[in-house]
Each structure stands twice: as C-alpha cells, then as structure tokens.
Amino acid sequence: MAVWPANLPSRFQADSFVEQPPELSIRTPMEYGNAKVRRRTTAGPTKITGVMWVTGAQRQMLLEFFY
C-alpha cells in the first residue's frame, strides 16, 4: 500500500473539502407507473475534491506519488 509523503500537506483547505457519495442504484423508467430502482452494487468509489496549497517541489512530489 502506498504511503503519503511526509513532505506534503496532510489535509485539504477546510472550506474547499467536498465529499460525494457513490451512486449505487440504477433507475429504469417504466412505460407505466413509477420507475424501477435496483441496487447496482454494494460498494462504489467516493469522489473527494479539495484545494491543497503546495510549492513547485511539492507539486512534483505529489505527481510522482500519484503516478
């Protein structure tokens, strides 16, 4: 498992953090009546976005960690 580099900030800026839960169900429209809703999977990826201020050297380190 990858380990987060110690020289990078460990948190996003507090006011920029957004977490979006995964879409686990699929909705199928019916010709008559309500839409059919069923579970697609039991788990899915959670989308997390945020702002992190880094220097040029830290940016390079972040890209190397990511790739």
C-alpha atoms as a PDB file:
ATOM      1  CA  MET A   1       0.000   0.000   0.000  1.00  0.00           C
ATOM      2  CA  ALA A   2       1.300   3.466  -0.873  1.00  0.00           C
ATOM      3  CA  VAL A   3       2.323   5.780   1.984  1.00  0.00           C
ATOM      4  CA  TRP A   4       1.514   9.501   1.784  1.00  0.00           C
ATOM      5  CA  PRO A   5       4.775  11.518   1.520  1.00  0.00           C
ATOM      6  CA  ALA A   6       5.628  13.266   4.793  1.00  0.00           C
ATOM      7  CA  ASN A   7       6.683  16.481   2.974  1.00  0.00           C
ATOM      8  CA  LEU A   8       3.180  17.043   1.549  1.00  0.00           C
ATOM      9  CA  PRO A   9       0.296  18.706   3.412  1.00  0.00           C
ATOM     10  CA  SER A  10      -1.871  16.057   5.045  1.00  0.00           C
ATOM     11  CA  ARG A  11      -5.192  17.910   4.659  1.00  0.00           C
ATOM     12  CA  PHE A  12      -7.213  19.958   2.190  1.00  0.00           C
ATOM     13  CA  GLN A  13      -8.099  23.567   2.938  1.00  0.00           C
ATOM     14  CA  ALA A  14     -11.085  23.312   5.300  1.00  0.00           C
ATOM     15  CA  ASP A  15     -13.532  25.357   3.213  1.00  0.00           C
ATOM     16  CA  SER A  16     -12.734  23.508  -0.049  1.00  0.00           C
ATOM     17  CA  PHE A  17     -13.381  19.889   1.021  1.00  0.00           C
ATOM     18  CA  VAL A  18     -16.304  18.179  -0.777  1.00  0.00           C
ATOM     19  CA  GLU A  19     -17.207  14.501  -0.482  1.00  0.00           C
ATOM     20  CA  GLN A  20     -19.739  12.982  -2.892  1.00  0.00           C
ATOM     21  CA  PRO A  21     -21.160   9.554  -2.009  1.00  0.00           C
ATOM     22  CA  PRO A  22     -21.181   6.853  -4.703  1.00  0.00           C
ATOM     23  CA  GLU A  23     -24.217   6.222  -6.900  1.00  0.00           C
ATOM     24  CA  LEU A  24     -25.124   2.619  -6.024  1.00  0.00           C
ATOM     25  CA  SER A  25     -28.546   2.278  -7.635  1.00  0.00           C
ATOM     26  CA  ILE A  26     -29.797   2.301 -11.188  1.00  0.00           C
ATOM     27  CA  ARG A  27     -33.161   3.773 -12.162  1.00  0.00           C
ATOM     28  CA  THR A  28     -35.073   2.412 -15.167  1.00  0.00           C
ATOM     29  CA  PRO A  29     -38.100   4.356 -16.411  1.00  0.00           C
ATOM     30  CA  MET A  30     -41.212   2.231 -16.981  1.00  0.00           C
ATOM     31  CA  GLU A  31     -43.835   2.755 -19.640  1.00  0.00           C
ATOM     32  CA  TYR A  32     -46.488   2.863 -16.912  1.00  0.00           C
ATOM     33  CA  GLY A  33     -46.132   3.641 -13.215  1.00  0.00           C
ATOM     34  CA  ASN A  34     -43.105   4.501 -11.135  1.00  0.00           C
ATOM     35  CA  ALA A  35     -39.535   3.937 -12.241  1.00  0.00           C
ATOM     36  CA  LYS A  36     -37.888   0.641 -11.342  1.00  0.00           C
ATOM     37  CA  VAL A  37     -34.990   1.169  -8.924  1.00  0.00           C
ATOM     38  CA  ARG A  38     -32.489  -1.554  -8.154  1.00  0.00           C
ATOM     39  CA  ARG A  39     -29.135  -1.755  -6.493  1.00  0.00           C
ATOM     40  CA  ARG A  40     -26.247  -1.783  -8.985  1.00  0.00           C
ATOM     41  CA  THR A  41     -23.566  -2.768  -6.487  1.00  0.00           C
ATOM     42  CA  THR A  42     -22.938  -2.882  -2.748  1.00  0.00           C
ATOM     43  CA  ALA A  43     -19.944  -0.516  -2.782  1.00  0.00           C
ATOM     44  CA  GLY A  44     -18.532   2.137  -5.066  1.00  0.00           C
ATOM     45  CA  PRO A  45     -15.923   4.883  -5.249  1.00  0.00           C
ATOM     46  CA  THR A  46     -16.452   8.053  -3.229  1.00  0.00           C
ATOM     47  CA  LYS A  47     -15.455  11.238  -5.067  1.00  0.00           C
ATOM     48  CA  ILE A  48     -13.438  13.639  -2.911  1.00  0.00           C
ATOM     49  CA  THR A  49     -12.304  17.077  -4.073  1.00  0.00           C
ATOM     50  CA  GLY A  50     -10.492  19.899  -2.352  1.00  0.00           C
ATOM     51  CA  VAL A  51      -7.752  22.516  -2.526  1.00  0.00           C
ATOM     52  CA  MET A  52      -4.243  21.889  -1.257  1.00  0.00           C
ATOM     53  CA  TRP A  53      -1.603  24.636  -1.423  1.00  0.00           C
ATOM     54  CA  VAL A  54       1.809  23.260  -2.428  1.00  0.00           C
ATOM     55  CA  THR A  55       5.148  24.583  -3.663  1.00  0.00           C
ATOM     56  CA  GLY A  56       6.597  23.628  -7.054  1.00  0.00           C
ATOM     57  CA  ALA A  57       8.742  20.909  -5.456  1.00  0.00           C
ATOM     58  CA  GLN A  58       5.757  19.558  -3.512  1.00  0.00           C
ATOM     59  CA  ARG A  59       3.698  19.524  -6.710  1.00  0.00           C
ATOM     60  CA  GLN A  60       6.323  17.372  -8.400  1.00  0.00           C
ATOM     61  CA  MET A  61       6.369  15.050  -5.385  1.00  0.00           C
ATOM     62  CA  LEU A  62       2.562  14.796  -5.496  1.00  0.00           C
ATOM     63  CA  LEU A  63       2.600  13.902  -9.206  1.00  0.00           C
ATOM     64  CA  GLU A  64       5.277  11.241  -8.649  1.00  0.00           C
ATOM     65  CA  PHE A  65       3.222   9.795  -5.791  1.00  0.00           C
ATOM     66  CA  PHE A  66       0.071   9.789  -7.921  1.00  0.00           C
ATOM     67  CA  TYR A  67       1.647   8.114 -10.958  1.00  0.00           C
END
